[in-house]
Amino acid sequence: MGHGIIAWIIIGVIAGWLTGKLMKGSGFGFIMDMVVGLIGALVGGWISSAMGMGTASQHGLIGSIIIATIGAVVLTLIVRLISGNRRATA
């Protein structure tokens, strides 16, 4: 059973916030952190599915947050590599 839209928004906010804290530099702001978290959930779900662990929604709320955070970190790394923003601004 999957999460509802409200649960995915909460997961996105938490994952985006955690990613902002884990990665060097500042976050993207509340809305963009939420978007990064939601897209990170898709990326993390794809990664976990490709590794045979199932999708993000199959692991409960905490598991979904962890998977979404991992996906958001990967997404942030890719965006920084593409944009050339490798220097952290603290």
PDB file of N, CA and C in Angstrom:
ATOM      1  N   MET A   1       0.842  -1.178   0.000  1.00  0.00           N
ATOM      2  CA  MET A   1       0.000   0.000   0.000  1.00  0.00           C
ATOM      3  C   MET A   1       0.886   1.239   0.000  1.00  0.00           C
ATOM      4  N   GLY A   2       0.626   2.160  -0.870  1.00  0.00           N
ATOM      5  CA  GLY A   2       1.441   3.356  -1.024  1.00  0.00           C
ATOM      6  C   GLY A   2       1.013   4.475  -0.084  1.00  0.00           C
ATOM      7  N   HIS A   3       1.788   5.528  -0.087  1.00  0.00           N
ATOM      8  CA  HIS A   3       1.487   6.709   0.719  1.00  0.00           C
ATOM      9  C   HIS A   3       0.555   7.623  -0.064  1.00  0.00           C
ATOM     10  N   GLY A   4      -0.216   8.419   0.670  1.00  0.00           N
ATOM     11  CA  GLY A   4      -1.063   9.419   0.056  1.00  0.00           C
ATOM     12  C   GLY A   4      -0.258  10.668  -0.274  1.00  0.00           C
ATOM     13  N   ILE A   5      -0.900  11.615  -0.919  1.00  0.00           N
ATOM     14  CA  ILE A   5      -0.221  12.837  -1.358  1.00  0.00           C
ATOM     15  C   ILE A   5       0.300  13.644  -0.169  1.00  0.00           C
ATOM     16  N   ILE A   6      -0.446  13.687   0.919  1.00  0.00           N
ATOM     17  CA  ILE A   6      -0.003  14.431   2.106  1.00  0.00           C
ATOM     18  C   ILE A   6       1.253  13.780   2.689  1.00  0.00           C
ATOM     19  N   ALA A   7       1.276  12.457   2.753  1.00  0.00           N
ATOM     20  CA  ALA A   7       2.455  11.756   3.271  1.00  0.00           C
ATOM     21  C   ALA A   7       3.672  12.027   2.389  1.00  0.00           C
ATOM     22  N   TRP A   8       3.493  12.047   1.051  1.00  0.00           N
ATOM     23  CA  TRP A   8       4.627  12.316   0.162  1.00  0.00           C
ATOM     24  C   TRP A   8       5.125  13.745   0.319  1.00  0.00           C
ATOM     25  N   ILE A   9       4.230  14.690   0.585  1.00  0.00           N
ATOM     26  CA  ILE A   9       4.660  16.073   0.824  1.00  0.00           C
ATOM     27  C   ILE A   9       5.483  16.140   2.108  1.00  0.00           C
ATOM     28  N   ILE A  10       5.016  15.469   3.155  1.00  0.00           N
ATOM     29  CA  ILE A  10       5.758  15.439   4.419  1.00  0.00           C
ATOM     30  C   ILE A  10       7.108  14.759   4.229  1.00  0.00           C
ATOM     31  N   ILE A  11       7.128  13.640   3.508  1.00  0.00           N
ATOM     32  CA  ILE A  11       8.383  12.940   3.225  1.00  0.00           C
ATOM     33  C   ILE A  11       9.320  13.840   2.423  1.00  0.00           C
ATOM     34  N   GLY A  12       8.779  14.544   1.434  1.00  0.00           N
ATOM     35  CA  GLY A  12       9.590  15.452   0.621  1.00  0.00           C
ATOM     36  C   GLY A  12      10.189  16.579   1.431  1.00  0.00           C
ATOM     37  N   VAL A  13       9.390  17.160   2.334  1.00  0.00           N
ATOM     38  CA  VAL A  13       9.881  18.251   3.181  1.00  0.00           C
ATOM     39  C   VAL A  13      10.999  17.740   4.093  1.00  0.00           C
ATOM     40  N   ILE A  14      10.781  16.612   4.731  1.00  0.00           N
ATOM     41  CA  ILE A  14      11.781  16.061   5.647  1.00  0.00           C
ATOM     42  C   ILE A  14      13.041  15.661   4.896  1.00  0.00           C
ATOM     43  N   ALA A  15      12.887  14.969   3.769  1.00  0.00           N
ATOM     44  CA  ALA A  15      14.051  14.540   2.988  1.00  0.00           C
ATOM     45  C   ALA A  15      14.822  15.736   2.436  1.00  0.00           C
ATOM     46  N   GLY A  16      14.123  16.748   1.968  1.00  0.00           N
ATOM     47  CA  GLY A  16      14.783  17.953   1.467  1.00  0.00           C
ATOM     48  C   GLY A  16      15.526  18.685   2.573  1.00  0.00           C
ATOM     49  N   TRP A  17      14.915  18.772   3.748  1.00  0.00           N
ATOM     50  CA  TRP A  17      15.558  19.424   4.881  1.00  0.00           C
ATOM     51  C   TRP A  17      16.800  18.649   5.310  1.00  0.00           C
ATOM     52  N   LEU A  18      16.672  17.323   5.416  1.00  0.00           N
ATOM     53  CA  LEU A  18      17.817  16.493   5.788  1.00  0.00           C
ATOM     54  C   LEU A  18      18.948  16.618   4.774  1.00  0.00           C
ATOM     55  N   THR A  19      18.607  16.652   3.506  1.00  0.00           N
ATOM     56  CA  THR A  19      19.621  16.798   2.458  1.00  0.00           C
ATOM     57  C   THR A  19      20.333  18.136   2.589  1.00  0.00           C
ATOM     58  N   GLY A  20      19.583  19.186   2.874  1.00  0.00           N
ATOM     59  CA  GLY A  20      20.186  20.498   3.092  1.00  0.00           C
ATOM     60  C   GLY A  20      21.148  20.493   4.261  1.00  0.00           C
ATOM     61  N   LYS A  21      20.853  19.712   5.293  1.00  0.00           N
ATOM     62  CA  LYS A  21      21.731  19.615   6.462  1.00  0.00           C
ATOM     63  C   LYS A  21      22.935  18.712   6.190  1.00  0.00           C
ATOM     64  N   LEU A  22      22.746  17.666   5.400  1.00  0.00           N
ATOM     65  CA  LEU A  22      23.830  16.709   5.128  1.00  0.00           C
ATOM     66  C   LEU A  22      24.853  17.231   4.135  1.00  0.00           C
ATOM     67  N   MET A  23      24.390  17.943   3.138  1.00  0.00           N
ATOM     68  CA  MET A  23      25.287  18.435   2.084  1.00  0.00           C
ATOM     69  C   MET A  23      25.927  19.741   2.533  1.00  0.00           C
ATOM     70  N   LYS A  24      27.179  19.943   2.143  1.00  0.00           N
ATOM     71  CA  LYS A  24      27.837  21.206   2.479  1.00  0.00           C
ATOM     72  C   LYS A  24      27.185  22.328   1.696  1.00  0.00           C
ATOM     73  N   GLY A  25      27.162  23.491   2.280  1.00  0.00           N
ATOM     74  CA  GLY A  25      26.500  24.619   1.647  1.00  0.00           C
ATOM     75  C   GLY A  25      25.107  24.784   2.223  1.00  0.00           C
ATOM     76  N   SER A  26      24.403  25.739   1.728  1.00  0.00           N
ATOM     77  CA  SER A  26      23.068  26.004   2.245  1.00  0.00           C
ATOM     78  C   SER A  26      22.027  25.236   1.451  1.00  0.00           C
ATOM     79  N   GLY A  27      20.836  25.143   2.017  1.00  0.00           N
ATOM     80  CA  GLY A  27      19.737  24.495   1.321  1.00  0.00           C
ATOM     81  C   GLY A  27      19.227  25.368   0.188  1.00  0.00           C
ATOM     82  N   PHE A  28      18.196  24.920  -0.479  1.00  0.00           N
ATOM     83  CA  PHE A  28      17.648  25.643  -1.622  1.00  0.00           C
ATOM     84  C   PHE A  28      16.468  26.524  -1.236  1.00  0.00           C
ATOM     85  N   GLY A  29      16.072  26.540   0.021  1.00  0.00           N
ATOM     86  CA  GLY A  29      14.861  27.231   0.452  1.00  0.00           C
ATOM     87  C   GLY A  29      13.752  26.203   0.655  1.00  0.00           C
ATOM     88  N   PHE A  30      12.715  26.579   1.385  1.00  0.00           N
ATOM     89  CA  PHE A  30      11.679  25.619   1.774  1.00  0.00           C
ATOM     90  C   PHE A  30      11.026  24.922   0.587  1.00  0.00           C
ATOM     91  N   ILE A  31      10.562  25.668  -0.384  1.00  0.00           N
ATOM     92  CA  ILE A  31       9.847  25.079  -1.520  1.00  0.00           C
ATOM     93  C   ILE A  31      10.781  24.190  -2.347  1.00  0.00           C
ATOM     94  N   MET A  32      11.969  24.703  -2.652  1.00  0.00           N
ATOM     95  CA  MET A  32      12.902  23.910  -3.459  1.00  0.00           C
ATOM     96  C   MET A  32      13.417  22.698  -2.699  1.00  0.00           C
ATOM     97  N   ASP A  33      13.594  22.808  -1.359  1.00  0.00           N
ATOM     98  CA  ASP A  33      13.968  21.642  -0.567  1.00  0.00           C
ATOM     99  C   ASP A  33      12.887  20.569  -0.657  1.00  0.00           C
ATOM    100  N   MET A  34      11.621  20.997  -0.641  1.00  0.00           N
ATOM    101  CA  MET A  34      10.519  20.054  -0.760  1.00  0.00           C
ATOM    102  C   MET A  34      10.527  19.395  -2.146  1.00  0.00           C
ATOM    103  N   VAL A  35      10.754  20.187  -3.180  1.00  0.00           N
ATOM    104  CA  VAL A  35      10.806  19.641  -4.545  1.00  0.00           C
ATOM    105  C   VAL A  35      11.979  18.674  -4.677  1.00  0.00           C
ATOM    106  N   VAL A  36      13.149  19.062  -4.145  1.00  0.00           N
ATOM    107  CA  VAL A  36      14.318  18.169  -4.187  1.00  0.00           C
ATOM    108  C   VAL A  36      14.014  16.878  -3.433  1.00  0.00           C
ATOM    109  N   GLY A  37      13.334  16.982  -2.296  1.00  0.00           N
ATOM    110  CA  GLY A  37      12.965  15.795  -1.529  1.00  0.00           C
ATOM    111  C   GLY A  37      11.998  14.892  -2.277  1.00  0.00           C
ATOM    112  N   LEU A  38      11.006  15.488  -2.938  1.00  0.00           N
ATOM    113  CA  LEU A  38      10.040  14.689  -3.698  1.00  0.00           C
ATOM    114  C   LEU A  38      10.694  14.017  -4.904  1.00  0.00           C
ATOM    115  N   ILE A  39      11.516  14.770  -5.629  1.00  0.00           N
ATOM    116  CA  ILE A  39      12.227  14.171  -6.761  1.00  0.00           C
ATOM    117  C   ILE A  39      13.236  13.155  -6.245  1.00  0.00           C
ATOM    118  N   GLY A  40      13.837  13.460  -5.099  1.00  0.00           N
ATOM    119  CA  GLY A  40      14.754  12.512  -4.464  1.00  0.00           C
ATOM    120  C   GLY A  40      14.067  11.209  -4.100  1.00  0.00           C
ATOM    121  N   ALA A  41      12.799  11.284  -3.715  1.00  0.00           N
ATOM    122  CA  ALA A  41      12.038  10.063  -3.430  1.00  0.00           C
ATOM    123  C   ALA A  41      11.900   9.212  -4.687  1.00  0.00           C
ATOM    124  N   LEU A  42      11.688   9.874  -5.814  1.00  0.00           N
ATOM    125  CA  LEU A  42      11.606   9.130  -7.080  1.00  0.00           C
ATOM    126  C   LEU A  42      12.952   8.504  -7.436  1.00  0.00           C
ATOM    127  N   VAL A  43      14.024   9.308  -7.292  1.00  0.00           N
ATOM    128  CA  VAL A  43      15.373   8.805  -7.593  1.00  0.00           C
ATOM    129  C   VAL A  43      15.738   7.679  -6.627  1.00  0.00           C
ATOM    130  N   GLY A  44      15.500   7.897  -5.338  1.00  0.00           N
ATOM    131  CA  GLY A  44      15.789   6.870  -4.340  1.00  0.00           C
ATOM    132  C   GLY A  44      14.961   5.608  -4.552  1.00  0.00           C
ATOM    133  N   GLY A  45      13.692   5.783  -4.907  1.00  0.00           N
ATOM    134  CA  GLY A  45      12.840   4.626  -5.201  1.00  0.00           C
ATOM    135  C   GLY A  45      13.339   3.859  -6.407  1.00  0.00           C
ATOM    136  N   TRP A  46      13.799   4.579  -7.415  1.00  0.00           N
ATOM    137  CA  TRP A  46      14.347   3.920  -8.601  1.00  0.00           C
ATOM    138  C   TRP A  46      15.624   3.164  -8.244  1.00  0.00           C
ATOM    139  N   ILE A  47      16.493   3.799  -7.465  1.00  0.00           N
ATOM    140  CA  ILE A  47      17.742   3.153  -7.059  1.00  0.00           C
ATOM    141  C   ILE A  47      17.457   1.896  -6.226  1.00  0.00           C
ATOM    142  N   SER A  48      16.574   2.015  -5.235  1.00  0.00           N
ATOM    143  CA  SER A  48      16.283   0.851  -4.386  1.00  0.00           C
ATOM    144  C   SER A  48      15.575  -0.247  -5.164  1.00  0.00           C
ATOM    145  N   SER A  49      14.738   0.136  -6.118  1.00  0.00           N
ATOM    146  CA  SER A  49      14.067  -0.855  -6.956  1.00  0.00           C
ATOM    147  C   SER A  49      15.063  -1.562  -7.869  1.00  0.00           C
ATOM    148  N   ALA A  50      16.013  -0.790  -8.421  1.00  0.00           N
ATOM    149  CA  ALA A  50      17.032  -1.377  -9.285  1.00  0.00           C
ATOM    150  C   ALA A  50      17.945  -2.322  -8.511  1.00  0.00           C
ATOM    151  N   MET A  51      18.102  -2.068  -7.218  1.00  0.00           N
ATOM    152  CA  MET A  51      18.939  -2.931  -6.380  1.00  0.00           C
ATOM    153  C   MET A  51      18.152  -4.108  -5.813  1.00  0.00           C
ATOM    154  N   GLY A  52      16.859  -4.201  -6.165  1.00  0.00           N
ATOM    155  CA  GLY A  52      16.032  -5.318  -5.734  1.00  0.00           C
ATOM    156  C   GLY A  52      15.448  -5.159  -4.336  1.00  0.00           C
ATOM    157  N   MET A  53      15.437  -3.944  -3.796  1.00  0.00           N
ATOM    158  CA  MET A  53      14.930  -3.725  -2.438  1.00  0.00           C
ATOM    159  C   MET A  53      13.505  -3.210  -2.423  1.00  0.00           C
ATOM    160  N   GLY A  54      12.883  -3.015  -3.558  1.00  0.00           N
ATOM    161  CA  GLY A  54      11.521  -2.497  -3.620  1.00  0.00           C
ATOM    162  C   GLY A  54      11.512  -0.985  -3.695  1.00  0.00           C
ATOM    163  N   THR A  55      10.335  -0.404  -3.849  1.00  0.00           N
ATOM    164  CA  THR A  55      10.212   1.044  -3.983  1.00  0.00           C
ATOM    165  C   THR A  55      10.144   1.709  -2.615  1.00  0.00           C
ATOM    166  N   ALA A  56      10.208   3.033  -2.601  1.00  0.00           N
ATOM    167  CA  ALA A  56      10.209   3.793  -1.347  1.00  0.00           C
ATOM    168  C   ALA A  56       8.936   3.562  -0.539  1.00  0.00           C
ATOM    169  N   SER A  57       7.801   3.461  -1.183  1.00  0.00           N
ATOM    170  CA  SER A  57       6.535   3.338  -0.453  1.00  0.00           C
ATOM    171  C   SER A  57       6.335   1.956   0.160  1.00  0.00           C
ATOM    172  N   GLN A  58       7.191   1.007  -0.122  1.00  0.00           N
ATOM    173  CA  GLN A  58       7.058  -0.331   0.440  1.00  0.00           C
ATOM    174  C   GLN A  58       7.790  -0.486   1.773  1.00  0.00           C
ATOM    175  N   HIS A  59       8.419   0.581   2.265  1.00  0.00           N
ATOM    176  CA  HIS A  59       9.248   0.467   3.463  1.00  0.00           C
ATOM    177  C   HIS A  59       8.715   1.271   4.639  1.00  0.00           C
ATOM    178  N   GLY A  60       7.480   1.714   4.598  1.00  0.00           N
ATOM    179  CA  GLY A  60       6.927   2.507   5.683  1.00  0.00           C
ATOM    180  C   GLY A  60       7.420   3.944   5.642  1.00  0.00           C
ATOM    181  N   LEU A  61       6.990   4.739   6.606  1.00  0.00           N
ATOM    182  CA  LEU A  61       7.301   6.159   6.603  1.00  0.00           C
ATOM    183  C   LEU A  61       8.786   6.424   6.823  1.00  0.00           C
ATOM    184  N   ILE A  62       9.391   5.803   7.816  1.00  0.00           N
ATOM    185  CA  ILE A  62      10.812   6.029   8.112  1.00  0.00           C
ATOM    186  C   ILE A  62      11.681   5.537   6.963  1.00  0.00           C
ATOM    187  N   GLY A  63      11.386   4.355   6.443  1.00  0.00           N
ATOM    188  CA  GLY A  63      12.136   3.824   5.303  1.00  0.00           C
ATOM    189  C   GLY A  63      12.010   4.719   4.081  1.00  0.00           C
ATOM    190  N   SER A  64      10.821   5.259   3.870  1.00  0.00           N
ATOM    191  CA  SER A  64      10.606   6.166   2.741  1.00  0.00           C
ATOM    192  C   SER A  64      11.409   7.449   2.895  1.00  0.00           C
ATOM    193  N   ILE A  65      11.485   7.959   4.119  1.00  0.00           N
ATOM    194  CA  ILE A  65      12.276   9.166   4.368  1.00  0.00           C
ATOM    195  C   ILE A  65      13.751   8.888   4.109  1.00  0.00           C
ATOM    196  N   ILE A  66      14.245   7.750   4.560  1.00  0.00           N
ATOM    197  CA  ILE A  66      15.654   7.394   4.342  1.00  0.00           C
ATOM    198  C   ILE A  66      15.947   7.249   2.854  1.00  0.00           C
ATOM    199  N   ILE A  67      15.094   6.530   2.144  1.00  0.00           N
ATOM    200  CA  ILE A  67      15.291   6.330   0.710  1.00  0.00           C
ATOM    201  C   ILE A  67      15.177   7.654  -0.038  1.00  0.00           C
ATOM    202  N   ALA A  68      14.204   8.490   0.323  1.00  0.00           N
ATOM    203  CA  ALA A  68      14.045   9.797  -0.323  1.00  0.00           C
ATOM    204  C   ALA A  68      15.255  10.684  -0.049  1.00  0.00           C
ATOM    205  N   THR A  69      15.803  10.622   1.157  1.00  0.00           N
ATOM    206  CA  THR A  69      16.978  11.423   1.492  1.00  0.00           C
ATOM    207  C   THR A  69      18.189  10.971   0.687  1.00  0.00           C
ATOM    208  N   ILE A  70      18.376   9.668   0.575  1.00  0.00           N
ATOM    209  CA  ILE A  70      19.483   9.150  -0.240  1.00  0.00           C
ATOM    210  C   ILE A  70      19.322   9.603  -1.688  1.00  0.00           C
ATOM    211  N   GLY A  71      18.112   9.502  -2.213  1.00  0.00           N
ATOM    212  CA  GLY A  71      17.848   9.952  -3.581  1.00  0.00           C
ATOM    213  C   GLY A  71      18.070  11.446  -3.740  1.00  0.00           C
ATOM    214  N   ALA A  72      17.683  12.238  -2.737  1.00  0.00           N
ATOM    215  CA  ALA A  72      17.867  13.690  -2.813  1.00  0.00           C
ATOM    216  C   ALA A  72      19.349  14.060  -2.748  1.00  0.00           C
ATOM    217  N   VAL A  73      20.131  13.328  -1.961  1.00  0.00           N
ATOM    218  CA  VAL A  73      21.574  13.565  -1.908  1.00  0.00           C
ATOM    219  C   VAL A  73      22.195  13.260  -3.268  1.00  0.00           C
ATOM    220  N   VAL A  74      21.815  12.135  -3.858  1.00  0.00           N
ATOM    221  CA  VAL A  74      22.323  11.773  -5.188  1.00  0.00           C
ATOM    222  C   VAL A  74      21.917  12.839  -6.204  1.00  0.00           C
ATOM    223  N   LEU A  75      20.670  13.264  -6.158  1.00  0.00           N
ATOM    224  CA  LEU A  75      20.181  14.304  -7.074  1.00  0.00           C
ATOM    225  C   LEU A  75      20.959  15.607  -6.892  1.00  0.00           C
ATOM    226  N   THR A  76      21.208  15.997  -5.652  1.00  0.00           N
ATOM    227  CA  THR A  76      21.957  17.226  -5.381  1.00  0.00           C
ATOM    228  C   THR A  76      23.382  17.122  -5.912  1.00  0.00           C
ATOM    229  N   LEU A  77      24.012  15.961  -5.732  1.00  0.00           N
ATOM    230  CA  LEU A  77      25.364  15.762  -6.266  1.00  0.00           C
ATOM    231  C   LEU A  77      25.383  15.888  -7.785  1.00  0.00           C
ATOM    232  N   ILE A  78      24.390  15.299  -8.441  1.00  0.00           N
ATOM    233  CA  ILE A  78      24.320  15.361  -9.902  1.00  0.00           C
ATOM    234  C   ILE A  78      24.099  16.807 -10.365  1.00  0.00           C
ATOM    235  N   VAL A  79      23.199  17.524  -9.699  1.00  0.00           N
ATOM    236  CA  VAL A  79      22.929  18.919 -10.067  1.00  0.00           C
ATOM    237  C   VAL A  79      24.176  19.766  -9.878  1.00  0.00           C
ATOM    238  N   ARG A  80      24.890  19.543  -8.790  1.00  0.00           N
ATOM    239  CA  ARG A  80      26.116  20.313  -8.556  1.00  0.00           C
ATOM    240  C   ARG A  80      27.196  19.992  -9.576  1.00  0.00           C
ATOM    241  N   LEU A  81      27.280  18.732  -9.995  1.00  0.00           N
ATOM    242  CA  LEU A  81      28.261  18.367 -11.018  1.00  0.00           C
ATOM    243  C   LEU A  81      27.930  19.011 -12.357  1.00  0.00           C
ATOM    244  N   ILE A  82      26.648  19.009 -12.714  1.00  0.00           N
ATOM    245  CA  ILE A  82      26.225  19.571 -13.992  1.00  0.00           C
ATOM    246  C   ILE A  82      26.363  21.093 -13.987  1.00  0.00           C
ATOM    247  N   SER A  83      25.954  21.727 -12.892  1.00  0.00           N
ATOM    248  CA  SER A  83      25.979  23.179 -12.840  1.00  0.00           C
ATOM    249  C   SER A  83      27.367  23.739 -12.558  1.00  0.00           C
ATOM    250  N   GLY A  84      28.286  22.900 -12.143  1.00  0.00           N
ATOM    251  CA  GLY A  84      29.632  23.352 -11.835  1.00  0.00           C
ATOM    252  C   GLY A  84      29.738  24.006 -10.477  1.00  0.00           C
ATOM    253  N   ASN A  85      28.701  23.925  -9.670  1.00  0.00           N
ATOM    254  CA  ASN A  85      28.707  24.524  -8.332  1.00  0.00           C
ATOM    255  C   ASN A  85      29.303  23.522  -7.352  1.00  0.00           C
ATOM    256  N   ARG A  86      30.606  23.357  -7.381  1.00  0.00           N
ATOM    257  CA  ARG A  86      31.275  22.387  -6.530  1.00  0.00           C
ATOM    258  C   ARG A  86      31.738  23.023  -5.232  1.00  0.00           C
ATOM    259  N   ARG A  87      31.809  24.320  -5.188  1.00  0.00           N
ATOM    260  CA  ARG A  87      32.274  25.013  -4.002  1.00  0.00           C
ATOM    261  C   ARG A  87      31.110  25.218  -3.033  1.00  0.00           C
ATOM    262  N   ALA A  88      31.299  24.798  -1.802  1.00  0.00           N
ATOM    263  CA  ALA A  88      30.252  24.953  -0.802  1.00  0.00           C
ATOM    264  C   ALA A  88      30.286  26.387  -0.271  1.00  0.00           C
ATOM    265  N   THR A  89      29.109  26.959  -0.122  1.00  0.00           N
ATOM    266  CA  THR A  89      29.006  28.299   0.448  1.00  0.00           C
ATOM    267  C   THR A  89      28.400  28.167   1.837  1.00  0.00           C
ATOM    268  N   ALA A  90      29.202  28.382   2.845  1.00  0.00           N
ATOM    269  CA  ALA A  90      28.727  28.196   4.217  1.00  0.00           C
ATOM    270  C   ALA A  90      28.333  29.473   4.877  1.00  0.00           C
TER     271      ALA A  90
END
